[in-house]
Amino acid sequence: MTVNATALTAAPAPRWQTSPRRRLRVVEAPARRRRPKLMYGIVAVLGATAIGAAQMTLSIMATESSYELSSLVSQQRDLTYQKQILYDDVAGLSSPQYLAANAASLGMVIDESPNYLRLSDGALLGAGQMSYGASSVDAINRGTVPNALITDTPLVTDPDATIEGAPVETVVVMGPDGVANTPPPITDGLPTPSTH
């Protein structure tokens, strides 16, 4: 076997690499920790105290406002009840039954033939006669449906009398011909015919 001399010389020889040496050095001892300064501690404590005080103040303010809100809601409810009571009083005083009772206590009667005044020309429409006698409607206590709103309300003309009080005495005034122009007052409800 023959070896070619040029083939042997052409290939480079492998190199062995050596690793670099590690250099060791002495580590210095750690420096002693310094104690925190007193000022930093005071600032931290004061900051925590300020945060706690702020939270307590906000909590107290929120609690106080909730009590105030509860008080205002209660006051609004009471005022609503008073408003409803006053509304009921006004409704009772403006009821036709109370107005008719006061008119009857003043001596006013219901005319069976009413007269009207036309505003455009001032003409009087109707019979034009005055009403003789008493009204056929007894506005005080009899012949009416009781109204609970005005049961204890005194009449305007007599503060001692109420709508539940004694009925006003009716005086029948006769006309010039000796006949009253109104039917007799209804005292015990509507008249009904007697049947077998």
N, C-alpha and C. Protein backbone atom coordinates (compact mmCIF):
# COMPACT_ATOMS: atom_id res chain seq x y z
N MET A 1 0.80 -1.14 0.00
CA MET A 1 0.00 0.00 0.00
C MET A 1 0.87 1.25 0.00
N THR A 2 0.53 2.08 -0.81
CA THR A 2 1.33 3.29 -0.91
C THR A 2 0.50 4.47 -0.43
N VAL A 3 1.11 5.33 0.27
CA VAL A 3 0.41 6.49 0.85
C VAL A 3 0.90 7.70 0.08
N ASN A 4 0.02 8.44 -0.22
CA ASN A 4 0.32 9.66 -0.95
C ASN A 4 0.86 10.67 0.05
N ALA A 5 2.01 11.25 -0.20
CA ALA A 5 2.68 12.16 0.72
C ALA A 5 1.99 13.49 0.74
N THR A 6 1.39 13.89 -0.32
CA THR A 6 0.73 15.20 -0.34
C THR A 6 -0.57 15.16 0.46
N ALA A 7 -1.18 14.03 0.54
CA ALA A 7 -2.43 13.93 1.29
C ALA A 7 -2.16 14.04 2.77
N LEU A 8 -1.02 13.58 3.24
CA LEU A 8 -0.72 13.63 4.66
C LEU A 8 -0.34 15.04 5.08
N THR A 9 0.36 15.71 4.25
CA THR A 9 0.80 17.05 4.63
C THR A 9 -0.31 18.08 4.51
N ALA A 10 -1.34 17.85 3.77
CA ALA A 10 -2.38 18.84 3.54
C ALA A 10 -3.34 18.97 4.72
N ALA A 11 -3.56 17.98 5.48
CA ALA A 11 -4.53 18.04 6.57
C ALA A 11 -3.89 18.65 7.80
N PRO A 12 -4.47 19.65 8.36
CA PRO A 12 -3.88 20.26 9.54
C PRO A 12 -4.06 19.37 10.75
N ALA A 13 -3.21 19.50 11.62
CA ALA A 13 -3.25 18.67 12.83
C ALA A 13 -4.25 19.28 13.82
N PRO A 14 -4.97 18.48 14.47
CA PRO A 14 -5.94 19.02 15.44
C PRO A 14 -5.22 19.69 16.61
N ARG A 15 -5.82 20.79 17.09
CA ARG A 15 -5.20 21.50 18.22
C ARG A 15 -6.00 21.20 19.47
N TRP A 16 -5.30 21.12 20.46
CA TRP A 16 -5.93 20.92 21.77
C TRP A 16 -6.06 22.27 22.43
N GLN A 17 -7.28 22.59 22.77
CA GLN A 17 -7.49 23.88 23.41
C GLN A 17 -7.54 23.69 24.91
N THR A 18 -6.90 24.56 25.51
CA THR A 18 -6.91 24.49 26.97
C THR A 18 -7.88 25.57 27.47
N SER A 19 -8.62 25.29 28.52
CA SER A 19 -9.57 26.26 29.07
C SER A 19 -8.81 27.31 29.86
N PRO A 20 -9.31 28.56 29.84
CA PRO A 20 -8.59 29.60 30.57
C PRO A 20 -8.69 29.32 32.05
N ARG A 21 -7.69 29.72 32.71
CA ARG A 21 -7.68 29.47 34.14
C ARG A 21 -8.63 30.43 34.85
N ARG A 22 -9.26 29.88 35.78
CA ARG A 22 -10.16 30.72 36.57
C ARG A 22 -9.34 31.40 37.64
N ARG A 23 -9.70 32.65 37.77
CA ARG A 23 -8.97 33.40 38.78
C ARG A 23 -9.83 33.48 40.02
N LEU A 24 -9.33 33.12 41.07
CA LEU A 24 -10.03 33.18 42.34
C LEU A 24 -9.64 34.45 43.07
N ARG A 25 -10.63 35.04 43.70
CA ARG A 25 -10.30 36.22 44.48
C ARG A 25 -11.07 36.14 45.79
N VAL A 26 -10.70 36.89 46.72
CA VAL A 26 -11.29 36.87 48.05
C VAL A 26 -12.50 37.82 48.05
N VAL A 27 -13.62 37.32 48.52
CA VAL A 27 -14.83 38.13 48.61
C VAL A 27 -14.79 38.87 49.93
N GLU A 28 -15.11 40.11 49.82
CA GLU A 28 -15.10 40.92 51.03
C GLU A 28 -16.30 40.55 51.89
N ALA A 29 -16.13 40.66 53.14
CA ALA A 29 -17.22 40.37 54.08
C ALA A 29 -18.33 41.42 53.88
N PRO A 30 -19.64 41.00 53.98
CA PRO A 30 -20.71 41.97 53.77
C PRO A 30 -20.66 43.06 54.85
N ALA A 31 -21.00 44.24 54.39
CA ALA A 31 -20.98 45.36 55.33
C ALA A 31 -22.15 45.24 56.28
N ARG A 32 -21.94 45.66 57.46
CA ARG A 32 -23.01 45.59 58.43
C ARG A 32 -24.15 46.51 58.01
N ARG A 33 -25.39 46.01 58.18
CA ARG A 33 -26.55 46.84 57.84
C ARG A 33 -26.67 47.95 58.85
N ARG A 34 -26.95 49.08 58.31
CA ARG A 34 -27.13 50.22 59.20
C ARG A 34 -28.54 50.18 59.77
N ARG A 35 -28.67 50.60 60.95
CA ARG A 35 -30.00 50.66 61.53
C ARG A 35 -30.77 51.80 60.86
N PRO A 36 -32.09 51.58 60.63
CA PRO A 36 -32.84 52.66 59.99
C PRO A 36 -32.83 53.89 60.88
N LYS A 37 -32.87 54.99 60.20
CA LYS A 37 -32.84 56.22 60.95
C LYS A 37 -34.18 56.42 61.67
N LEU A 38 -34.15 57.09 62.74
CA LEU A 38 -35.32 57.33 63.55
C LEU A 38 -36.37 58.14 62.78
N MET A 39 -35.95 59.02 61.95
CA MET A 39 -36.87 59.87 61.19
C MET A 39 -37.75 59.05 60.24
N TYR A 40 -37.17 58.03 59.58
CA TYR A 40 -37.96 57.19 58.69
C TYR A 40 -39.05 56.45 59.46
N GLY A 41 -38.76 55.98 60.62
CA GLY A 41 -39.74 55.28 61.46
C GLY A 41 -40.87 56.21 61.88
N ILE A 42 -40.51 57.43 62.27
CA ILE A 42 -41.53 58.39 62.69
C ILE A 42 -42.44 58.73 61.51
N VAL A 43 -41.89 58.94 60.33
CA VAL A 43 -42.68 59.25 59.15
C VAL A 43 -43.62 58.08 58.82
N ALA A 44 -43.14 56.86 58.91
CA ALA A 44 -43.98 55.69 58.62
C ALA A 44 -45.13 55.59 59.62
N VAL A 45 -44.86 55.78 60.89
CA VAL A 45 -45.91 55.70 61.91
C VAL A 45 -46.93 56.83 61.72
N LEU A 46 -46.44 58.04 61.46
CA LEU A 46 -47.35 59.15 61.24
C LEU A 46 -48.20 58.94 59.98
N GLY A 47 -47.62 58.40 58.92
CA GLY A 47 -48.38 58.12 57.71
C GLY A 47 -49.47 57.09 57.96
N ALA A 48 -49.15 56.01 58.68
CA ALA A 48 -50.16 54.99 58.99
C ALA A 48 -51.27 55.57 59.87
N THR A 49 -50.88 56.42 60.83
CA THR A 49 -51.88 57.05 61.70
C THR A 49 -52.78 57.99 60.90
N ALA A 50 -52.20 58.75 59.98
CA ALA A 50 -53.00 59.68 59.16
C ALA A 50 -53.98 58.91 58.28
N ILE A 51 -53.55 57.80 57.70
CA ILE A 51 -54.44 56.98 56.86
C ILE A 51 -55.58 56.41 57.70
N GLY A 52 -55.27 55.90 58.89
CA GLY A 52 -56.31 55.37 59.78
C GLY A 52 -57.29 56.44 60.21
N ALA A 53 -56.78 57.63 60.53
CA ALA A 53 -57.67 58.72 60.94
C ALA A 53 -58.57 59.15 59.78
N ALA A 54 -58.03 59.19 58.57
CA ALA A 54 -58.84 59.57 57.41
C ALA A 54 -59.95 58.54 57.17
N GLN A 55 -59.63 57.26 57.29
CA GLN A 55 -60.64 56.23 57.11
C GLN A 55 -61.73 56.31 58.18
N MET A 56 -61.32 56.56 59.42
CA MET A 56 -62.31 56.68 60.49
C MET A 56 -63.21 57.91 60.28
N THR A 57 -62.61 59.01 59.84
CA THR A 57 -63.39 60.23 59.59
C THR A 57 -64.41 60.01 58.48
N LEU A 58 -63.97 59.38 57.39
CA LEU A 58 -64.90 59.09 56.29
C LEU A 58 -66.01 58.13 56.74
N SER A 59 -65.67 57.16 57.55
CA SER A 59 -66.67 56.21 58.05
C SER A 59 -67.68 56.92 58.94
N ILE A 60 -67.21 57.81 59.81
CA ILE A 60 -68.11 58.54 60.69
C ILE A 60 -69.02 59.46 59.88
N MET A 61 -68.46 60.12 58.87
CA MET A 61 -69.27 61.01 58.03
C MET A 61 -70.33 60.23 57.27
N ALA A 62 -69.98 59.05 56.76
CA ALA A 62 -70.95 58.23 56.03
C ALA A 62 -72.06 57.75 56.97
N THR A 63 -71.69 57.36 58.18
CA THR A 63 -72.69 56.90 59.15
C THR A 63 -73.61 58.05 59.55
N GLU A 64 -73.03 59.22 59.78
CA GLU A 64 -73.82 60.39 60.16
C GLU A 64 -74.80 60.77 59.05
N SER A 65 -74.34 60.73 57.80
CA SER A 65 -75.24 61.09 56.70
C SER A 65 -76.34 60.05 56.54
N SER A 66 -76.07 58.78 56.85
CA SER A 66 -77.14 57.77 56.74
C SER A 66 -78.19 57.99 57.82
N TYR A 67 -77.78 58.39 59.03
CA TYR A 67 -78.76 58.71 60.08
C TYR A 67 -79.57 59.94 59.70
N GLU A 68 -78.91 60.93 59.13
CA GLU A 68 -79.61 62.15 58.71
C GLU A 68 -80.60 61.82 57.59
N LEU A 69 -80.21 60.97 56.66
CA LEU A 69 -81.10 60.56 55.59
C LEU A 69 -82.30 59.80 56.14
N SER A 70 -82.07 58.92 57.12
CA SER A 70 -83.17 58.19 57.74
C SER A 70 -84.13 59.15 58.44
N SER A 71 -83.58 60.15 59.12
CA SER A 71 -84.42 61.15 59.79
C SER A 71 -85.24 61.94 58.77
N LEU A 72 -84.63 62.32 57.66
CA LEU A 72 -85.36 63.08 56.63
C LEU A 72 -86.45 62.23 55.97
N VAL A 73 -86.18 60.94 55.78
CA VAL A 73 -87.20 60.06 55.20
C VAL A 73 -88.39 59.94 56.15
N SER A 74 -88.10 59.81 57.45
CA SER A 74 -89.17 59.74 58.44
C SER A 74 -89.97 61.04 58.47
N GLN A 75 -89.27 62.17 58.40
CA GLN A 75 -89.95 63.46 58.38
C GLN A 75 -90.80 63.62 57.12
N GLN A 76 -90.30 63.16 55.98
CA GLN A 76 -91.08 63.23 54.74
C GLN A 76 -92.34 62.36 54.84
N ARG A 77 -92.23 61.18 55.47
CA ARG A 77 -93.39 60.31 55.63
C ARG A 77 -94.44 60.99 56.51
N ASP A 78 -94.00 61.63 57.61
CA ASP A 78 -94.94 62.33 58.48
C ASP A 78 -95.62 63.48 57.76
N LEU A 79 -94.85 64.22 56.96
CA LEU A 79 -95.43 65.34 56.21
C LEU A 79 -96.41 64.84 55.15
N THR A 80 -96.12 63.68 54.56
CA THR A 80 -97.05 63.10 53.59
C THR A 80 -98.37 62.73 54.27
N TYR A 81 -98.30 62.16 55.49
CA TYR A 81 -99.51 61.85 56.23
C TYR A 81 -100.29 63.12 56.56
N GLN A 82 -99.59 64.16 57.00
CA GLN A 82 -100.27 65.42 57.32
C GLN A 82 -100.91 66.02 56.08
N LYS A 83 -100.22 65.93 54.95
CA LYS A 83 -100.78 66.45 53.70
C LYS A 83 -102.04 65.70 53.33
N GLN A 84 -102.05 64.37 53.51
CA GLN A 84 -103.23 63.57 53.20
C GLN A 84 -104.38 63.93 54.13
N ILE A 85 -104.09 64.17 55.42
CA ILE A 85 -105.13 64.55 56.38
C ILE A 85 -105.73 65.90 55.97
N LEU A 86 -104.86 66.85 55.61
CA LEU A 86 -105.36 68.17 55.20
C LEU A 86 -106.16 68.07 53.90
N TYR A 87 -105.71 67.22 52.99
CA TYR A 87 -106.46 67.02 51.73
C TYR A 87 -107.85 66.45 52.02
N ASP A 88 -107.93 65.49 52.95
CA ASP A 88 -109.22 64.92 53.32
C ASP A 88 -110.11 65.98 53.97
N ASP A 89 -109.52 66.85 54.82
CA ASP A 89 -110.29 67.91 55.45
C ASP A 89 -110.86 68.87 54.41
N VAL A 90 -110.03 69.26 53.44
CA VAL A 90 -110.49 70.16 52.38
C VAL A 90 -111.56 69.49 51.53
N ALA A 91 -111.38 68.21 51.25
CA ALA A 91 -112.38 67.49 50.45
C ALA A 91 -113.71 67.43 51.20
N GLY A 92 -113.66 67.24 52.53
CA GLY A 92 -114.89 67.21 53.31
C GLY A 92 -115.56 68.57 53.36
N LEU A 93 -114.76 69.63 53.53
CA LEU A 93 -115.33 70.98 53.62
C LEU A 93 -115.88 71.46 52.28
N SER A 94 -115.37 70.92 51.19
CA SER A 94 -115.88 71.34 49.89
C SER A 94 -116.91 70.36 49.33
N SER A 95 -117.34 69.41 50.16
CA SER A 95 -118.33 68.44 49.69
C SER A 95 -119.70 69.13 49.56
N PRO A 96 -120.51 68.71 48.61
CA PRO A 96 -121.83 69.31 48.44
C PRO A 96 -122.71 69.16 49.68
N GLN A 97 -122.56 68.08 50.41
CA GLN A 97 -123.36 67.86 51.60
C GLN A 97 -123.05 68.92 52.68
N TYR A 98 -121.77 69.21 52.90
CA TYR A 98 -121.38 70.21 53.90
C TYR A 98 -121.80 71.61 53.45
N LEU A 99 -121.64 71.90 52.17
CA LEU A 99 -122.06 73.21 51.66
C LEU A 99 -123.58 73.38 51.78
N ALA A 100 -124.33 72.32 51.50
CA ALA A 100 -125.79 72.40 51.61
C ALA A 100 -126.21 72.55 53.07
N ALA A 101 -125.52 71.88 53.99
CA ALA A 101 -125.85 72.00 55.41
C ALA A 101 -125.59 73.42 55.89
N ASN A 102 -124.49 74.01 55.47
CA ASN A 102 -124.20 75.39 55.86
C ASN A 102 -125.20 76.36 55.24
N ALA A 103 -125.58 76.12 53.99
CA ALA A 103 -126.58 76.98 53.35
C ALA A 103 -127.91 76.87 54.06
N ALA A 104 -128.30 75.66 54.47
CA ALA A 104 -129.56 75.48 55.20
C ALA A 104 -129.50 76.15 56.56
N SER A 105 -128.35 76.10 57.22
CA SER A 105 -128.24 76.75 58.53
C SER A 105 -128.27 78.27 58.40
N LEU A 106 -127.93 78.79 57.24
CA LEU A 106 -128.03 80.23 56.98
C LEU A 106 -129.44 80.65 56.56
N GLY A 107 -130.34 79.67 56.35
CA GLY A 107 -131.71 79.98 55.97
C GLY A 107 -131.96 79.90 54.48
N MET A 108 -131.02 79.42 53.73
CA MET A 108 -131.21 79.30 52.28
C MET A 108 -132.04 78.06 51.98
N VAL A 109 -132.85 78.12 50.96
CA VAL A 109 -133.68 76.98 50.56
C VAL A 109 -133.47 76.72 49.08
N ILE A 110 -133.78 75.51 48.68
CA ILE A 110 -133.69 75.13 47.28
C ILE A 110 -134.99 75.53 46.60
N ASP A 111 -134.92 76.33 45.59
CA ASP A 111 -136.11 76.77 44.87
C ASP A 111 -136.46 75.72 43.83
N GLU A 112 -137.75 75.41 43.77
CA GLU A 112 -138.20 74.41 42.81
C GLU A 112 -138.24 74.98 41.40
N SER A 113 -138.35 76.29 41.28
CA SER A 113 -138.32 76.91 39.96
C SER A 113 -137.16 77.92 39.96
N PRO A 114 -135.99 77.45 39.62
CA PRO A 114 -134.82 78.33 39.72
C PRO A 114 -134.82 79.42 38.65
N ASN A 115 -134.14 80.48 38.95
CA ASN A 115 -133.97 81.59 38.02
C ASN A 115 -132.50 81.65 37.61
N TYR A 116 -132.27 82.13 36.40
CA TYR A 116 -130.90 82.23 35.88
C TYR A 116 -130.67 83.63 35.36
N LEU A 117 -129.48 84.10 35.51
CA LEU A 117 -129.10 85.41 35.01
C LEU A 117 -128.19 85.20 33.81
N ARG A 118 -128.60 85.72 32.65
CA ARG A 118 -127.79 85.61 31.45
C ARG A 118 -126.81 86.78 31.47
N LEU A 119 -125.52 86.49 31.44
CA LEU A 119 -124.50 87.51 31.59
C LEU A 119 -124.33 88.37 30.35
N SER A 120 -124.66 87.84 29.19
CA SER A 120 -124.42 88.61 27.97
C SER A 120 -125.27 89.88 27.92
N ASP A 121 -126.54 89.79 28.33
CA ASP A 121 -127.38 90.98 28.28
C ASP A 121 -128.02 91.31 29.62
N GLY A 122 -127.76 90.51 30.67
CA GLY A 122 -128.30 90.79 32.00
C GLY A 122 -129.76 90.42 32.16
N ALA A 123 -130.28 89.58 31.28
CA ALA A 123 -131.69 89.20 31.35
C ALA A 123 -131.88 88.12 32.40
N LEU A 124 -133.03 88.15 33.10
CA LEU A 124 -133.39 87.16 34.11
C LEU A 124 -134.26 86.11 33.44
N LEU A 125 -133.83 84.86 33.48
CA LEU A 125 -134.58 83.75 32.87
C LEU A 125 -135.21 82.93 33.97
N GLY A 126 -136.43 82.52 33.81
CA GLY A 126 -137.12 81.72 34.81
C GLY A 126 -138.40 82.41 35.24
N ALA A 127 -139.01 81.87 36.32
CA ALA A 127 -140.29 82.41 36.79
C ALA A 127 -140.11 83.79 37.41
N GLY A 128 -139.01 84.06 38.01
CA GLY A 128 -138.76 85.36 38.59
C GLY A 128 -139.50 85.58 39.89
N GLN A 129 -139.92 84.49 40.55
CA GLN A 129 -140.61 84.60 41.83
C GLN A 129 -139.67 84.17 42.94
N MET A 130 -139.94 84.67 44.13
CA MET A 130 -139.13 84.21 45.26
C MET A 130 -139.65 82.88 45.75
N SER A 131 -138.79 82.15 46.41
CA SER A 131 -139.15 80.82 46.87
C SER A 131 -139.86 80.93 48.21
N TYR A 132 -141.05 80.35 48.28
CA TYR A 132 -141.80 80.34 49.52
C TYR A 132 -141.57 79.02 50.21
N GLY A 133 -141.52 79.05 51.51
CA GLY A 133 -141.47 77.81 52.27
C GLY A 133 -140.06 77.29 52.45
N ALA A 134 -140.02 76.04 52.86
CA ALA A 134 -138.74 75.40 53.15
C ALA A 134 -138.33 74.52 52.00
N SER A 135 -137.08 74.11 52.04
CA SER A 135 -136.56 73.26 50.98
C SER A 135 -137.05 71.84 51.15
N SER A 136 -137.18 71.13 50.07
CA SER A 136 -137.60 69.73 50.15
C SER A 136 -136.45 68.82 50.51
N VAL A 137 -135.24 69.35 50.50
CA VAL A 137 -134.07 68.56 50.86
C VAL A 137 -133.58 69.03 52.22
N ASP A 138 -133.54 68.10 53.17
CA ASP A 138 -133.02 68.43 54.50
C ASP A 138 -131.53 68.09 54.49
N ALA A 139 -130.70 69.10 54.40
CA ALA A 139 -129.27 68.86 54.25
C ALA A 139 -128.58 68.47 55.53
N ILE A 140 -129.26 68.68 56.65
CA ILE A 140 -128.63 68.36 57.94
C ILE A 140 -129.22 67.06 58.47
N ASN A 141 -128.44 66.03 58.45
CA ASN A 141 -128.65 64.76 59.13
C ASN A 141 -129.70 63.83 58.53
N ARG A 142 -130.73 64.29 57.92
CA ARG A 142 -131.77 63.35 57.52
C ARG A 142 -131.88 63.31 56.01
N GLY A 143 -132.12 62.16 55.50
CA GLY A 143 -132.33 61.99 54.08
C GLY A 143 -131.05 62.05 53.27
N THR A 144 -129.91 61.98 53.92
CA THR A 144 -128.64 62.04 53.21
C THR A 144 -127.77 60.86 53.60
N VAL A 145 -126.83 60.56 52.79
CA VAL A 145 -125.85 59.52 53.09
C VAL A 145 -124.79 60.14 54.00
N PRO A 146 -124.48 59.50 55.13
CA PRO A 146 -123.51 60.12 56.03
C PRO A 146 -122.12 60.25 55.38
N ASN A 147 -121.49 61.35 55.68
CA ASN A 147 -120.15 61.62 55.15
C ASN A 147 -119.18 61.60 56.33
N ALA A 148 -118.30 60.61 56.39
CA ALA A 148 -117.40 60.45 57.53
C ALA A 148 -116.38 61.58 57.63
N LEU A 149 -116.11 62.27 56.53
CA LEU A 149 -115.11 63.35 56.57
C LEU A 149 -115.61 64.58 57.32
N ILE A 150 -116.94 64.76 57.39
CA ILE A 150 -117.48 65.97 58.01
C ILE A 150 -118.39 65.66 59.19
N THR A 151 -118.33 64.47 59.75
CA THR A 151 -119.21 64.09 60.85
C THR A 151 -119.04 65.02 62.05
N ASP A 152 -117.80 65.32 62.41
CA ASP A 152 -117.53 66.13 63.59
C ASP A 152 -117.17 67.58 63.26
N THR A 153 -117.30 67.97 62.00
CA THR A 153 -116.94 69.33 61.60
C THR A 153 -118.08 70.27 61.95
N PRO A 154 -117.80 71.34 62.70
CA PRO A 154 -118.88 72.27 63.05
C PRO A 154 -119.33 73.08 61.84
N LEU A 155 -120.59 73.49 61.90
CA LEU A 155 -121.13 74.34 60.84
C LEU A 155 -120.59 75.75 60.98
N VAL A 156 -120.61 76.50 59.91
CA VAL A 156 -120.03 77.84 59.91
C VAL A 156 -120.84 78.78 60.80
N THR A 157 -122.15 78.69 60.75
CA THR A 157 -122.99 79.63 61.49
C THR A 157 -123.09 79.29 62.96
N ASP A 158 -122.98 78.01 63.32
CA ASP A 158 -123.10 77.60 64.72
C ASP A 158 -121.97 76.63 65.04
N PRO A 159 -120.90 77.09 65.70
CA PRO A 159 -119.76 76.20 65.98
C PRO A 159 -120.10 75.03 66.90
N ASP A 160 -121.24 75.11 67.63
CA ASP A 160 -121.62 74.00 68.50
C ASP A 160 -122.38 72.91 67.76
N ALA A 161 -122.91 73.21 66.61
CA ALA A 161 -123.70 72.24 65.85
C ALA A 161 -122.85 71.62 64.75
N THR A 162 -123.08 70.36 64.50
CA THR A 162 -122.41 69.65 63.41
C THR A 162 -123.47 69.12 62.46
N ILE A 163 -123.02 68.49 61.41
CA ILE A 163 -123.97 67.93 60.45
C ILE A 163 -124.74 66.75 61.05
N GLU A 164 -124.19 66.16 62.09
CA GLU A 164 -124.88 65.08 62.80
C GLU A 164 -125.79 65.62 63.89
N GLY A 165 -125.77 66.92 64.12
CA GLY A 165 -126.57 67.54 65.19
C GLY A 165 -128.05 67.52 64.85
N ALA A 166 -128.82 68.21 65.68
CA ALA A 166 -130.27 68.26 65.51
C ALA A 166 -130.60 68.97 64.21
N PRO A 167 -131.59 68.50 63.47
CA PRO A 167 -131.95 69.15 62.22
C PRO A 167 -132.54 70.53 62.47
N VAL A 168 -132.35 71.38 61.51
CA VAL A 168 -132.88 72.74 61.60
C VAL A 168 -134.39 72.68 61.44
N GLU A 169 -135.07 73.43 62.29
CA GLU A 169 -136.53 73.48 62.20
C GLU A 169 -136.91 74.14 60.88
N THR A 170 -137.76 73.47 60.15
CA THR A 170 -138.19 74.04 58.87
C THR A 170 -139.46 74.85 59.08
N VAL A 171 -139.46 76.01 58.53
CA VAL A 171 -140.63 76.87 58.62
C VAL A 171 -141.23 76.95 57.22
N VAL A 172 -142.48 76.57 57.12
CA VAL A 172 -143.15 76.59 55.83
C VAL A 172 -143.83 77.95 55.69
N VAL A 173 -143.42 78.68 54.68
CA VAL A 173 -144.02 79.98 54.40
C VAL A 173 -145.00 79.79 53.26
N MET A 174 -146.20 80.19 53.50
CA MET A 174 -147.23 80.03 52.49
C MET A 174 -147.20 81.20 51.53
N GLY A 175 -147.53 80.92 50.31
CA GLY A 175 -147.62 81.95 49.29
C GLY A 175 -148.88 82.79 49.49
N PRO A 176 -149.08 83.76 48.61
CA PRO A 176 -150.25 84.62 48.76
C PRO A 176 -151.57 83.86 48.58
N ASP A 177 -151.51 82.72 47.89
CA ASP A 177 -152.73 81.95 47.68
C ASP A 177 -152.93 80.90 48.78
N GLY A 178 -152.01 80.82 49.78
CA GLY A 178 -152.17 79.89 50.89
C GLY A 178 -151.58 78.52 50.63
N VAL A 179 -150.81 78.36 49.55
CA VAL A 179 -150.22 77.06 49.22
C VAL A 179 -148.70 77.24 49.13
N ALA A 180 -147.97 76.27 49.73
CA ALA A 180 -146.51 76.30 49.63
C ALA A 180 -146.09 75.78 48.26
N ASN A 181 -145.05 76.37 47.69
CA ASN A 181 -144.65 75.95 46.35
C ASN A 181 -143.61 74.83 46.35
N THR A 182 -143.31 74.27 47.50
CA THR A 182 -142.35 73.16 47.57
C THR A 182 -143.03 71.95 48.19
N PRO A 183 -142.60 70.76 47.83
CA PRO A 183 -143.18 69.58 48.44
C PRO A 183 -142.73 69.47 49.89
N PRO A 184 -143.39 68.63 50.67
CA PRO A 184 -142.99 68.48 52.07
C PRO A 184 -141.58 67.88 52.15
N PRO A 185 -140.84 68.23 53.20
CA PRO A 185 -139.47 67.70 53.31
C PRO A 185 -139.45 66.20 53.48
N ILE A 186 -138.42 65.58 52.92
CA ILE A 186 -138.24 64.14 53.04
C ILE A 186 -137.45 63.90 54.32
N THR A 187 -138.04 63.15 55.26
CA THR A 187 -137.38 62.96 56.55
C THR A 187 -136.86 61.55 56.74
N ASP A 188 -137.50 60.56 56.17
CA ASP A 188 -137.07 59.17 56.40
C ASP A 188 -136.74 58.48 55.10
N GLY A 189 -135.97 59.08 54.25
CA GLY A 189 -135.59 58.47 52.98
C GLY A 189 -136.62 58.78 51.91
N LEU A 190 -136.53 58.09 50.81
CA LEU A 190 -137.43 58.32 49.70
C LEU A 190 -138.78 57.65 49.98
N PRO A 191 -139.87 58.33 49.63
CA PRO A 191 -141.19 57.70 49.86
C PRO A 191 -141.40 56.53 48.89
N THR A 192 -142.02 55.49 49.41
CA THR A 192 -142.29 54.32 48.57
C THR A 192 -143.79 54.04 48.61
N PRO A 193 -144.34 53.59 47.53
CA PRO A 193 -145.77 53.28 47.56
C PRO A 193 -146.02 52.00 48.35
N SER A 194 -147.16 51.97 49.02
CA SER A 194 -147.49 50.76 49.78
C SER A 194 -148.18 49.78 48.82
N THR A 195 -147.76 48.57 48.82
CA THR A 195 -148.32 47.55 47.94
C THR A 195 -148.81 46.39 48.78
N HIS A 196 -149.65 45.56 48.16
CA HIS A 196 -150.21 44.40 48.88
C HIS A 196 -149.24 43.25 48.84
